[in-house]
Amino acid sequence: MSSALFEYLLRLGDNTLILSHRVSEWCGLAPVLEEDIALANTALDLIGQTQMWLGLAGEVEGKGRDADALAFRRDVWGFRNLLLLERPNGDFGKTMMRQFLFDAFNVVNLGYLIKSSDPRIAAIAEKASKEAAYHLERSGDTVIGLGDGTEESHRRMQDALDELWPYVGEMFASDTVDAEMVAAGVAPDPQTLRKEWNEITVRYLTEATLTVPDGTFAHKGGKTGVQHTEHLGHLLTSMQWLQRAYPDASW
């Protein structure tokens, strides 16, 4: 079970790690100062969650790797994040739509992880759930404001939803790792989260006057595929260059 647990924790940690770095790219570039500060704070919250998930993953692995080693010393093939989260930022509307779609999932998933049979996971989920709830409130309100705003903002938000929607299904696809976590009472089956996620997202998207797209979903496994290596490779170049240039540097 330890290898599956390690894999599962990597998924949780990589999701928040990759999204935090994408969000941090807005630092100094957001439309207004308030949004610049809010995005920076969101990125910091996600980094904090990353430290907890990857830190626990390192303990479970038992090979002496801590959160930093797992974040900075894996190559692109070693990451397990959702494809949605490594997508380029695009405009502000696209960034907030990506954030909203993940925030809704994170809130639902953490709600179940609080009841995990593993007390370490339950404790992390309890702490992270408070931040996730605030993130969802903020991103959801922003989606509503822009979706039900001007003709231009509505068009951009609909375009963002249409572009990102094909990546949504990966959140709810299950594999052998998930099956093992479910059997041990560690985590919920991702497929069972879809109903609650739908209820949250449809409520916000309806108020935003946006149309939920039809279409197929991406498969589970952001760790493989051309799109993953292309986008994540560029992201890791900026995220890991210092550690790669100066291994074990201290300050």
Foldseek 3Di string as FASTA:
>chain_A
DLVLLLVVLLALLLQLQLLLLLLLVCQVPAPDPVVNVVSPVSSVLSVVLNQLSQQVSCVSVVPPDGSCCLQFVDALLPHFYQLLRLPHCPHVLLSLVSQLLVLLLLLLFLVQQLQAPDPSSVVSSVVSNVVSVVSNVVSLVVLLCQCQDDPVSVVVNLVSLVVSVQRSCLQQADDPSLVVRVVNRNGHRSVVSVVSSCVSVVVSCVSSVHDHDDDHHDHRGLSDDDSSCVRVVVSSCVVHVVCVVPPPDDD
